[in-house]
Amino acid sequence: MYNHRMNRSIVQDIVRILAVAIVGLAVFWAGLWIWGNWNDEWSGYNSQFTVSDGYCNIAVVPIVGDITTLPDTAYGADPADPDAYSYPVANVDDVLYQLRLAEYYDPYVEGILVRIDSPGGSPVASEVLADALKASSLPVAALIREYGTSGGYLVATGADTIFASPLSDVGSIGITMSYLENVNRNAQEGLRYVPLSSAPFKDYGDPNKPLTAAERALFERDLKIYHDEFVRQVAENRGLPIEDVAKLADGSSMPGALALEHELIDELGNQDSTRAWFAEQLGLTVLDIEFCE
């Protein structure tokens, strides 16, 4: 009888110890979690994954300068030399990162405003961004401010709607491969081009040698392919007959007011003008629309 009571007492002691250990571990992990969240917030770690301050609800994603897959350093930026001249660049991966933050990581963001000041750039990079806007689950408006031409305009066509200033520069649907030939200058400076290549067209387009008729034919072949695909994508994204876009695709650009007449954009206006569109899309009032910037 005594042994039975003693064994039961031992079991109860073990159970109490285990219960205390479990509670202690739970408190420890809860404290660690709370401290970790506090530290992340205090240190600013969380801010890199958020767009909104908890009050604004429309993410603003700028696309400024040449659209490219290349890093800033390829365009003259030199972190070691602050006085070095550089061109504004919209790196496609940087823009995609901002779009992902707005769409997937910030619950307060309900729409995206893509603010465009770009003369174009890489066809592939422009296509990637246009496709990313089309794939977004959030309402996306593009605002062309100073200019949205060539690849810059292609990006805008991926949005659900396009706004532009009446004084903006819009369109320029076309492709260029033009370059400056250095043959005469090299001759004046006593420089001679020495062709060494394993295939007849390996060095075609080199500005230090004259362009042959066969080489020009290759460029013109590719230009037509790129041009036709550009026209097709604009027509598809804008819901326009391809014949109508083809007539406009002479490489020229036009003021926003004329672009509206040709249905290249949807509305004239500035950033504030987009509030009514976002409010309608989200079932909110205009006063509920706040831009994150």
C-alpha atoms as a PDB file:
ATOM      1  CA  MET A   1       0.000   0.000   0.000  1.00  0.00           C
ATOM      2  CA  TYR A   2       2.829   2.321   0.915  1.00  0.00           C
ATOM      3  CA  ASN A   3       4.724   1.521  -2.304  1.00  0.00           C
ATOM      4  CA  HIS A   4       1.596   2.152  -4.343  1.00  0.00           C
ATOM      5  CA  ARG A   5       1.109   5.607  -2.779  1.00  0.00           C
ATOM      6  CA  MET A   6       4.794   6.407  -3.203  1.00  0.00           C
ATOM      7  CA  ASN A   7       4.740   5.415  -6.900  1.00  0.00           C
ATOM      8  CA  ARG A   8       1.634   7.542  -7.491  1.00  0.00           C
ATOM      9  CA  SER A   9       3.332  10.482  -5.795  1.00  0.00           C
ATOM     10  CA  ILE A  10       6.386  10.053  -8.016  1.00  0.00           C
ATOM     11  CA  VAL A  11       4.203   9.974 -11.112  1.00  0.00           C
ATOM     12  CA  GLN A  12       2.398  13.133  -9.999  1.00  0.00           C
ATOM     13  CA  ASP A  13       5.735  14.861  -9.397  1.00  0.00           C
ATOM     14  CA  ILE A  14       6.923  13.892 -12.880  1.00  0.00           C
ATOM     15  CA  VAL A  15       3.683  15.151 -14.438  1.00  0.00           C
ATOM     16  CA  ARG A  16       4.014  18.460 -12.575  1.00  0.00           C
ATOM     17  CA  ILE A  17       7.624  18.821 -13.689  1.00  0.00           C
ATOM     18  CA  LEU A  18       6.668  18.123 -17.315  1.00  0.00           C
ATOM     19  CA  ALA A  19       3.771  20.589 -17.099  1.00  0.00           C
ATOM     20  CA  VAL A  20       6.050  23.268 -15.681  1.00  0.00           C
ATOM     21  CA  ALA A  21       8.639  22.524 -18.399  1.00  0.00           C
ATOM     22  CA  ILE A  22       6.032  22.753 -21.160  1.00  0.00           C
ATOM     23  CA  VAL A  23       4.635  25.999 -19.780  1.00  0.00           C
ATOM     24  CA  GLY A  24       8.152  27.333 -19.413  1.00  0.00           C
ATOM     25  CA  LEU A  25       9.003  26.476 -23.023  1.00  0.00           C
ATOM     26  CA  ALA A  26       5.761  28.028 -24.228  1.00  0.00           C
ATOM     27  CA  VAL A  27       6.484  31.236 -22.317  1.00  0.00           C
ATOM     28  CA  PHE A  28      10.054  31.238 -23.623  1.00  0.00           C
ATOM     29  CA  TRP A  29       8.990  30.843 -27.263  1.00  0.00           C
ATOM     30  CA  ALA A  30       6.222  33.427 -26.872  1.00  0.00           C
ATOM     31  CA  GLY A  31       8.699  35.867 -25.382  1.00  0.00           C
ATOM     32  CA  LEU A  32      11.187  35.147 -28.140  1.00  0.00           C
ATOM     33  CA  TRP A  33       8.509  35.697 -30.789  1.00  0.00           C
ATOM     34  CA  ILE A  34       7.375  38.971 -29.215  1.00  0.00           C
ATOM     35  CA  TRP A  35      10.947  40.178 -28.841  1.00  0.00           C
ATOM     36  CA  GLY A  36      11.751  39.192 -32.412  1.00  0.00           C
ATOM     37  CA  ASN A  37       8.767  41.098 -33.788  1.00  0.00           C
ATOM     38  CA  TRP A  38       9.587  44.118 -31.645  1.00  0.00           C
ATOM     39  CA  ASN A  39      13.222  44.033 -32.720  1.00  0.00           C
ATOM     40  CA  ASP A  40      12.313  43.688 -36.399  1.00  0.00           C
ATOM     41  CA  GLU A  41       9.962  46.637 -36.136  1.00  0.00           C
ATOM     42  CA  TRP A  42      12.349  48.753 -34.072  1.00  0.00           C
ATOM     43  CA  SER A  43      15.346  48.008 -36.286  1.00  0.00           C
ATOM     44  CA  GLY A  44      13.407  48.800 -39.462  1.00  0.00           C
ATOM     45  CA  TYR A  45      13.757  45.248 -40.775  1.00  0.00           C
ATOM     46  CA  ASN A  46      10.009  44.932 -41.445  1.00  0.00           C
ATOM     47  CA  SER A  47       9.850  48.224 -43.312  1.00  0.00           C
ATOM     48  CA  GLN A  48      11.740  46.763 -46.259  1.00  0.00           C
ATOM     49  CA  PHE A  49       8.808  44.442 -46.891  1.00  0.00           C
ATOM     50  CA  THR A  50       6.020  47.010 -46.626  1.00  0.00           C
ATOM     51  CA  VAL A  51       4.758  49.784 -48.852  1.00  0.00           C
ATOM     52  CA  SER A  52       1.949  51.294 -46.786  1.00  0.00           C
ATOM     53  CA  ASP A  53       2.227  53.106 -43.482  1.00  0.00           C
ATOM     54  CA  GLY A  54      -1.083  51.513 -42.508  1.00  0.00           C
ATOM     55  CA  TYR A  55      -3.025  54.486 -43.820  1.00  0.00           C
ATOM     56  CA  CYS A  56      -2.264  54.819 -47.543  1.00  0.00           C
ATOM     57  CA  ASN A  57      -3.697  52.164 -49.858  1.00  0.00           C
ATOM     58  CA  ILE A  58      -2.378  52.834 -53.380  1.00  0.00           C
ATOM     59  CA  ALA A  59       1.248  51.860 -54.053  1.00  0.00           C
ATOM     60  CA  VAL A  60       3.136  54.226 -56.346  1.00  0.00           C
ATOM     61  CA  VAL A  61       5.725  52.477 -58.530  1.00  0.00           C
ATOM     62  CA  PRO A  62       7.870  54.881 -60.592  1.00  0.00           C
ATOM     63  CA  ILE A  63       9.388  53.860 -63.930  1.00  0.00           C
ATOM     64  CA  VAL A  64      11.872  56.585 -64.795  1.00  0.00           C
ATOM     65  CA  GLY A  65      14.491  56.575 -67.544  1.00  0.00           C
ATOM     66  CA  ASP A  66      15.671  53.786 -69.797  1.00  0.00           C
ATOM     67  CA  ILE A  67      13.963  50.461 -69.101  1.00  0.00           C
ATOM     68  CA  THR A  68      16.596  47.765 -68.956  1.00  0.00           C
ATOM     69  CA  THR A  69      17.689  44.449 -67.515  1.00  0.00           C
ATOM     70  CA  LEU A  70      21.154  45.910 -66.938  1.00  0.00           C
ATOM     71  CA  PRO A  71      22.385  47.363 -63.611  1.00  0.00           C
ATOM     72  CA  ASP A  72      22.842  51.089 -63.030  1.00  0.00           C
ATOM     73  CA  THR A  73      26.609  50.775 -63.471  1.00  0.00           C
ATOM     74  CA  ALA A  74      26.083  49.896 -67.129  1.00  0.00           C
ATOM     75  CA  TYR A  75      24.622  53.381 -67.633  1.00  0.00           C
ATOM     76  CA  GLY A  76      27.481  55.359 -66.170  1.00  0.00           C
ATOM     77  CA  ALA A  77      26.609  55.311 -62.483  1.00  0.00           C
ATOM     78  CA  ASP A  78      29.717  54.885 -60.358  1.00  0.00           C
ATOM     79  CA  PRO A  79      29.212  54.555 -56.570  1.00  0.00           C
ATOM     80  CA  ALA A  80      32.895  55.398 -56.065  1.00  0.00           C
ATOM     81  CA  ASP A  81      32.569  58.653 -58.024  1.00  0.00           C
ATOM     82  CA  PRO A  82      29.553  60.771 -57.018  1.00  0.00           C
ATOM     83  CA  ASP A  83      30.411  63.309 -59.724  1.00  0.00           C
ATOM     84  CA  ALA A  84      30.259  60.745 -62.537  1.00  0.00           C
ATOM     85  CA  TYR A  85      27.506  61.443 -65.068  1.00  0.00           C
ATOM     86  CA  SER A  86      24.762  58.834 -65.056  1.00  0.00           C
ATOM     87  CA  TYR A  87      21.511  58.223 -66.887  1.00  0.00           C
ATOM     88  CA  PRO A  88      18.256  57.481 -65.062  1.00  0.00           C
ATOM     89  CA  VAL A  89      17.532  53.776 -65.315  1.00  0.00           C
ATOM     90  CA  ALA A  90      14.453  51.689 -64.565  1.00  0.00           C
ATOM     91  CA  ASN A  91      15.909  48.265 -63.857  1.00  0.00           C
ATOM     92  CA  VAL A  92      13.285  45.611 -64.571  1.00  0.00           C
ATOM     93  CA  ASP A  93      14.124  43.497 -61.506  1.00  0.00           C
ATOM     94  CA  ASP A  94      13.887  46.507 -59.180  1.00  0.00           C
ATOM     95  CA  VAL A  95      10.461  47.401 -60.561  1.00  0.00           C
ATOM     96  CA  LEU A  96       9.264  43.791 -60.318  1.00  0.00           C
ATOM     97  CA  TYR A  97      10.374  43.719 -56.672  1.00  0.00           C
ATOM     98  CA  GLN A  98       8.314  46.824 -55.898  1.00  0.00           C
ATOM     99  CA  LEU A  99       5.289  45.305 -57.633  1.00  0.00           C
ATOM    100  CA  ARG A 100       5.635  42.077 -55.628  1.00  0.00           C
ATOM    101  CA  LEU A 101       5.906  43.982 -52.346  1.00  0.00           C
ATOM    102  CA  ALA A 102       2.740  45.897 -53.137  1.00  0.00           C
ATOM    103  CA  GLU A 103       0.737  42.892 -54.266  1.00  0.00           C
ATOM    104  CA  TYR A 104       1.835  40.058 -51.998  1.00  0.00           C
ATOM    105  CA  TYR A 105       3.442  41.438 -48.833  1.00  0.00           C
ATOM    106  CA  ASP A 106       1.415  44.468 -47.815  1.00  0.00           C
ATOM    107  CA  PRO A 107      -2.218  43.822 -46.807  1.00  0.00           C
ATOM    108  CA  TYR A 108      -2.994  47.553 -46.750  1.00  0.00           C
ATOM    109  CA  VAL A 109      -2.269  48.053 -50.463  1.00  0.00           C
ATOM    110  CA  GLU A 110      -5.396  47.783 -52.605  1.00  0.00           C
ATOM    111  CA  GLY A 111      -4.170  49.189 -55.919  1.00  0.00           C
ATOM    112  CA  ILE A 112      -1.042  50.124 -57.868  1.00  0.00           C
ATOM    113  CA  LEU A 113      -0.256  53.363 -59.695  1.00  0.00           C
ATOM    114  CA  VAL A 114       2.615  52.988 -62.164  1.00  0.00           C
ATOM    115  CA  ARG A 115       4.079  56.449 -62.764  1.00  0.00           C
ATOM    116  CA  ILE A 116       5.926  56.547 -66.087  1.00  0.00           C
ATOM    117  CA  ASP A 117       8.566  59.000 -67.272  1.00  0.00           C
ATOM    118  CA  SER A 118      10.414  56.845 -69.786  1.00  0.00           C
ATOM    119  CA  PRO A 119      11.467  57.135 -73.440  1.00  0.00           C
ATOM    120  CA  GLY A 120      11.690  53.334 -73.676  1.00  0.00           C
ATOM    121  CA  GLY A 121      14.597  50.952 -73.573  1.00  0.00           C
ATOM    122  CA  SER A 122      15.046  47.216 -73.951  1.00  0.00           C
ATOM    123  CA  PRO A 123      12.124  45.522 -75.770  1.00  0.00           C
ATOM    124  CA  VAL A 124      12.396  42.458 -73.550  1.00  0.00           C
ATOM    125  CA  ALA A 125      12.490  44.440 -70.290  1.00  0.00           C
ATOM    126  CA  SER A 126       9.503  46.508 -71.421  1.00  0.00           C
ATOM    127  CA  GLU A 127       7.568  43.373 -72.338  1.00  0.00           C
ATOM    128  CA  VAL A 128       8.345  41.779 -68.961  1.00  0.00           C
ATOM    129  CA  LEU A 129       6.967  44.791 -67.089  1.00  0.00           C
ATOM    130  CA  ALA A 130       3.864  45.041 -69.280  1.00  0.00           C
ATOM    131  CA  ASP A 131       3.148  41.352 -68.644  1.00  0.00           C
ATOM    132  CA  ALA A 132       3.673  41.828 -64.892  1.00  0.00           C
ATOM    133  CA  LEU A 133       1.098  44.630 -64.818  1.00  0.00           C
ATOM    134  CA  LYS A 134      -1.367  42.515 -66.789  1.00  0.00           C
ATOM    135  CA  ALA A 135      -0.933  39.615 -64.356  1.00  0.00           C
ATOM    136  CA  SER A 136      -1.524  41.698 -61.218  1.00  0.00           C
ATOM    137  CA  SER A 137      -4.565  40.808 -59.127  1.00  0.00           C
ATOM    138  CA  LEU A 138      -4.835  44.432 -57.960  1.00  0.00           C
ATOM    139  CA  PRO A 139      -6.301  47.326 -59.975  1.00  0.00           C
ATOM    140  CA  VAL A 140      -3.403  48.919 -61.895  1.00  0.00           C
ATOM    141  CA  ALA A 141      -3.412  52.392 -63.430  1.00  0.00           C
ATOM    142  CA  ALA A 142      -0.564  53.800 -65.499  1.00  0.00           C
ATOM    143  CA  LEU A 143       0.122  57.520 -65.430  1.00  0.00           C
ATOM    144  CA  ILE A 144       2.272  58.957 -68.215  1.00  0.00           C
ATOM    145  CA  ARG A 145       3.616  62.255 -66.971  1.00  0.00           C
ATOM    146  CA  GLU A 146       6.372  63.808 -69.120  1.00  0.00           C
ATOM    147  CA  TYR A 147       6.717  60.995 -71.636  1.00  0.00           C
ATOM    148  CA  GLY A 148       5.784  57.376 -72.159  1.00  0.00           C
ATOM    149  CA  THR A 149       7.183  56.438 -75.517  1.00  0.00           C
ATOM    150  CA  SER A 150       8.414  53.287 -77.231  1.00  0.00           C
ATOM    151  CA  GLY A 151       9.067  50.683 -74.500  1.00  0.00           C
ATOM    152  CA  GLY A 152       7.745  53.132 -71.915  1.00  0.00           C
ATOM    153  CA  TYR A 153       4.416  53.148 -73.719  1.00  0.00           C
ATOM    154  CA  LEU A 154       4.454  49.350 -74.076  1.00  0.00           C
ATOM    155  CA  VAL A 155       4.737  49.057 -70.283  1.00  0.00           C
ATOM    156  CA  ALA A 156       1.766  51.394 -69.847  1.00  0.00           C
ATOM    157  CA  THR A 157      -0.409  49.181 -72.054  1.00  0.00           C
ATOM    158  CA  GLY A 158      -0.121  46.410 -69.471  1.00  0.00           C
ATOM    159  CA  ALA A 159      -2.139  48.475 -66.969  1.00  0.00           C
ATOM    160  CA  ASP A 160      -5.921  48.289 -66.639  1.00  0.00           C
ATOM    161  CA  THR A 161      -6.186  51.944 -67.633  1.00  0.00           C
ATOM    162  CA  ILE A 162      -3.808  54.671 -68.867  1.00  0.00           C
ATOM    163  CA  PHE A 163      -3.874  58.315 -67.789  1.00  0.00           C
ATOM    164  CA  ALA A 164      -1.645  60.958 -69.365  1.00  0.00           C
ATOM    165  CA  SER A 165      -1.087  64.675 -69.218  1.00  0.00           C
ATOM    166  CA  PRO A 166      -2.462  66.464 -72.299  1.00  0.00           C
ATOM    167  CA  LEU A 167       1.053  67.873 -72.692  1.00  0.00           C
ATOM    168  CA  SER A 168       2.822  64.513 -72.369  1.00  0.00           C
ATOM    169  CA  ASP A 169       4.635  62.698 -75.160  1.00  0.00           C
ATOM    170  CA  VAL A 170       2.984  59.346 -75.963  1.00  0.00           C
ATOM    171  CA  GLY A 171       3.483  56.520 -78.454  1.00  0.00           C
ATOM    172  CA  SER A 172       6.548  56.244 -80.677  1.00  0.00           C
ATOM    173  CA  ILE A 173       5.554  52.675 -81.540  1.00  0.00           C
ATOM    174  CA  GLY A 174       8.523  51.269 -83.417  1.00  0.00           C
ATOM    175  CA  ILE A 175      12.031  49.863 -83.159  1.00  0.00           C
ATOM    176  CA  THR A 176      15.397  51.436 -83.935  1.00  0.00           C
ATOM    177  CA  MET A 177      18.834  49.901 -84.386  1.00  0.00           C
ATOM    178  CA  SER A 178      20.493  53.055 -85.695  1.00  0.00           C
ATOM    179  CA  TYR A 179      24.078  53.753 -84.688  1.00  0.00           C
ATOM    180  CA  LEU A 180      26.938  56.158 -85.414  1.00  0.00           C
ATOM    181  CA  GLU A 181      29.481  54.876 -87.915  1.00  0.00           C
ATOM    182  CA  ASN A 182      33.132  55.703 -87.161  1.00  0.00           C
ATOM    183  CA  VAL A 183      34.729  54.704 -90.484  1.00  0.00           C
ATOM    184  CA  ASN A 184      35.614  58.184 -91.801  1.00  0.00           C
ATOM    185  CA  ARG A 185      36.838  59.425 -88.427  1.00  0.00           C
ATOM    186  CA  ASN A 186      39.030  56.360 -88.008  1.00  0.00           C
ATOM    187  CA  ALA A 187      40.497  56.907 -91.454  1.00  0.00           C
ATOM    188  CA  GLN A 188      41.336  60.507 -90.601  1.00  0.00           C
ATOM    189  CA  GLU A 189      43.046  59.336 -87.434  1.00  0.00           C
ATOM    190  CA  GLY A 190      45.013  56.663 -89.264  1.00  0.00           C
ATOM    191  CA  LEU A 191      43.074  53.723 -87.818  1.00  0.00           C
ATOM    192  CA  ARG A 192      42.285  50.669 -89.945  1.00  0.00           C
ATOM    193  CA  TYR A 193      39.667  48.022 -89.152  1.00  0.00           C
ATOM    194  CA  VAL A 194      41.091  44.494 -89.298  1.00  0.00           C
ATOM    195  CA  PRO A 195      38.290  41.922 -89.820  1.00  0.00           C
ATOM    196  CA  LEU A 196      38.875  38.676 -87.914  1.00  0.00           C
ATOM    197  CA  SER A 197      35.769  36.582 -87.376  1.00  0.00           C
ATOM    198  CA  SER A 198      34.805  32.938 -87.790  1.00  0.00           C
ATOM    199  CA  ALA A 199      31.545  33.667 -89.632  1.00  0.00           C
ATOM    200  CA  PRO A 200      30.693  36.260 -92.309  1.00  0.00           C
ATOM    201  CA  PHE A 201      28.166  38.144 -90.182  1.00  0.00           C
ATOM    202  CA  LYS A 202      29.788  37.777 -86.763  1.00  0.00           C
ATOM    203  CA  ASP A 203      30.942  41.409 -86.691  1.00  0.00           C
ATOM    204  CA  TYR A 204      28.056  43.003 -88.572  1.00  0.00           C
ATOM    205  CA  GLY A 205      26.904  46.228 -86.971  1.00  0.00           C
ATOM    206  CA  ASP A 206      30.388  47.082 -85.741  1.00  0.00           C
ATOM    207  CA  PRO A 207      30.500  50.911 -86.074  1.00  0.00           C
ATOM    208  CA  ASN A 208      34.147  50.794 -87.130  1.00  0.00           C
ATOM    209  CA  LYS A 209      33.411  49.078 -90.460  1.00  0.00           C
ATOM    210  CA  PRO A 210      31.087  49.990 -93.331  1.00  0.00           C
ATOM    211  CA  LEU A 211      27.687  48.283 -93.343  1.00  0.00           C
ATOM    212  CA  THR A 212      27.266  46.021 -96.385  1.00  0.00           C
ATOM    213  CA  ALA A 213      24.003  45.498 -98.262  1.00  0.00           C
ATOM    214  CA  ALA A 214      23.759  41.932 -96.951  1.00  0.00           C
ATOM    215  CA  GLU A 215      24.268  43.129 -93.371  1.00  0.00           C
ATOM    216  CA  ARG A 216      21.629  45.838 -93.774  1.00  0.00           C
ATOM    217  CA  ALA A 217      19.207  43.186 -95.016  1.00  0.00           C
ATOM    218  CA  LEU A 218      19.721  41.233 -91.784  1.00  0.00           C
ATOM    219  CA  PHE A 219      18.980  44.303 -89.662  1.00  0.00           C
ATOM    220  CA  GLU A 220      15.868  45.119 -91.684  1.00  0.00           C
ATOM    221  CA  ARG A 221      14.671  41.521 -91.369  1.00  0.00           C
ATOM    222  CA  ASP A 222      14.942  41.689 -87.578  1.00  0.00           C
ATOM    223  CA  LEU A 223      13.466  45.184 -87.400  1.00  0.00           C
ATOM    224  CA  LYS A 224      10.302  43.994 -89.140  1.00  0.00           C
ATOM    225  CA  ILE A 225       9.936  41.049 -86.741  1.00  0.00           C
ATOM    226  CA  TYR A 226      10.367  43.285 -83.689  1.00  0.00           C
ATOM    227  CA  HIS A 227       8.110  45.989 -85.116  1.00  0.00           C
ATOM    228  CA  ASP A 228       5.263  43.605 -85.952  1.00  0.00           C
ATOM    229  CA  GLU A 229       5.437  42.048 -82.480  1.00  0.00           C
ATOM    230  CA  PHE A 230       5.399  45.501 -80.850  1.00  0.00           C
ATOM    231  CA  VAL A 231       2.276  46.407 -82.840  1.00  0.00           C
ATOM    232  CA  ARG A 232       0.626  43.083 -81.980  1.00  0.00           C
ATOM    233  CA  GLN A 233       1.230  43.495 -78.245  1.00  0.00           C
ATOM    234  CA  VAL A 234      -0.061  47.073 -78.166  1.00  0.00           C
ATOM    235  CA  ALA A 235      -3.178  46.059 -80.102  1.00  0.00           C
ATOM    236  CA  GLU A 236      -3.797  43.107 -77.789  1.00  0.00           C
ATOM    237  CA  ASN A 237      -3.180  45.024 -74.568  1.00  0.00           C
ATOM    238  CA  ARG A 238      -5.313  47.986 -75.638  1.00  0.00           C
ATOM    239  CA  GLY A 239      -8.073  45.923 -77.264  1.00  0.00           C
ATOM    240  CA  LEU A 240      -7.604  47.755 -80.564  1.00  0.00           C
ATOM    241  CA  PRO A 241      -7.703  46.419 -84.148  1.00  0.00           C
ATOM    242  CA  ILE A 242      -4.166  45.597 -85.185  1.00  0.00           C
ATOM    243  CA  GLU A 243      -4.693  47.530 -88.437  1.00  0.00           C
ATOM    244  CA  ASP A 244      -5.416  50.725 -86.472  1.00  0.00           C
ATOM    245  CA  VAL A 245      -2.272  50.352 -84.359  1.00  0.00           C
ATOM    246  CA  ALA A 246      -0.196  49.565 -87.457  1.00  0.00           C
ATOM    247  CA  LYS A 247      -1.271  52.894 -89.006  1.00  0.00           C
ATOM    248  CA  LEU A 248      -0.052  54.728 -85.909  1.00  0.00           C
ATOM    249  CA  ALA A 249       3.183  52.746 -85.663  1.00  0.00           C
ATOM    250  CA  ASP A 250       5.361  55.021 -87.798  1.00  0.00           C
ATOM    251  CA  GLY A 251       7.741  55.700 -84.904  1.00  0.00           C
ATOM    252  CA  SER A 252       6.371  59.150 -84.194  1.00  0.00           C
ATOM    253  CA  SER A 253       4.991  60.226 -80.835  1.00  0.00           C
ATOM    254  CA  MET A 254       2.097  62.552 -80.088  1.00  0.00           C
ATOM    255  CA  PRO A 255       0.753  64.759 -77.275  1.00  0.00           C
ATOM    256  CA  GLY A 256      -1.484  63.097 -74.717  1.00  0.00           C
ATOM    257  CA  ALA A 257      -4.541  64.935 -76.046  1.00  0.00           C
ATOM    258  CA  LEU A 258      -4.044  63.393 -79.508  1.00  0.00           C
ATOM    259  CA  ALA A 259      -3.210  60.000 -77.999  1.00  0.00           C
ATOM    260  CA  LEU A 260      -6.652  60.058 -76.358  1.00  0.00           C
ATOM    261  CA  GLU A 261      -8.293  60.609 -79.749  1.00  0.00           C
ATOM    262  CA  HIS A 262      -6.460  57.558 -81.107  1.00  0.00           C
ATOM    263  CA  GLU A 263      -7.352  55.474 -78.009  1.00  0.00           C
ATOM    264  CA  LEU A 264      -3.731  54.971 -77.015  1.00  0.00           C
ATOM    265  CA  ILE A 265      -4.725  56.226 -73.555  1.00  0.00           C
ATOM    266  CA  ASP A 266      -8.020  56.269 -71.630  1.00  0.00           C
ATOM    267  CA  GLU A 267      -8.098  59.611 -69.821  1.00  0.00           C
ATOM    268  CA  LEU A 268      -6.284  62.909 -69.587  1.00  0.00           C
ATOM    269  CA  GLY A 269      -5.146  64.059 -66.171  1.00  0.00           C
ATOM    270  CA  ASN A 270      -2.582  63.923 -63.421  1.00  0.00           C
ATOM    271  CA  GLN A 271      -2.073  61.752 -60.353  1.00  0.00           C
ATOM    272  CA  ASP A 272      -5.085  63.189 -58.535  1.00  0.00           C
ATOM    273  CA  SER A 273      -7.201  62.350 -61.573  1.00  0.00           C
ATOM    274  CA  THR A 274      -6.629  58.651 -60.939  1.00  0.00           C
ATOM    275  CA  ARG A 275      -8.332  58.778 -57.527  1.00  0.00           C
ATOM    276  CA  ALA A 276     -11.842  58.517 -58.986  1.00  0.00           C
ATOM    277  CA  TRP A 277     -10.845  55.468 -61.045  1.00  0.00           C
ATOM    278  CA  PHE A 278      -9.328  53.666 -58.042  1.00  0.00           C
ATOM    279  CA  ALA A 279     -12.347  54.576 -55.905  1.00  0.00           C
ATOM    280  CA  GLU A 280     -14.688  53.075 -58.487  1.00  0.00           C
ATOM    281  CA  GLN A 281     -12.612  49.903 -58.817  1.00  0.00           C
ATOM    282  CA  LEU A 282     -12.408  49.394 -55.049  1.00  0.00           C
ATOM    283  CA  GLY A 283     -15.916  50.503 -54.084  1.00  0.00           C
ATOM    284  CA  LEU A 284     -14.538  53.381 -52.005  1.00  0.00           C
ATOM    285  CA  THR A 285     -14.966  57.141 -51.963  1.00  0.00           C
ATOM    286  CA  VAL A 286     -12.406  59.447 -53.528  1.00  0.00           C
ATOM    287  CA  LEU A 287     -11.437  60.613 -50.027  1.00  0.00           C
ATOM    288  CA  ASP A 288     -10.516  57.002 -49.133  1.00  0.00           C
ATOM    289  CA  ILE A 289      -7.799  56.899 -51.807  1.00  0.00           C
ATOM    290  CA  GLU A 290      -4.348  57.690 -50.440  1.00  0.00           C
ATOM    291  CA  PHE A 291      -1.102  57.243 -52.355  1.00  0.00           C
ATOM    292  CA  CYS A 292       1.896  55.595 -50.689  1.00  0.00           C
ATOM    293  CA  GLU A 293       4.810  57.911 -51.459  1.00  0.00           C
END
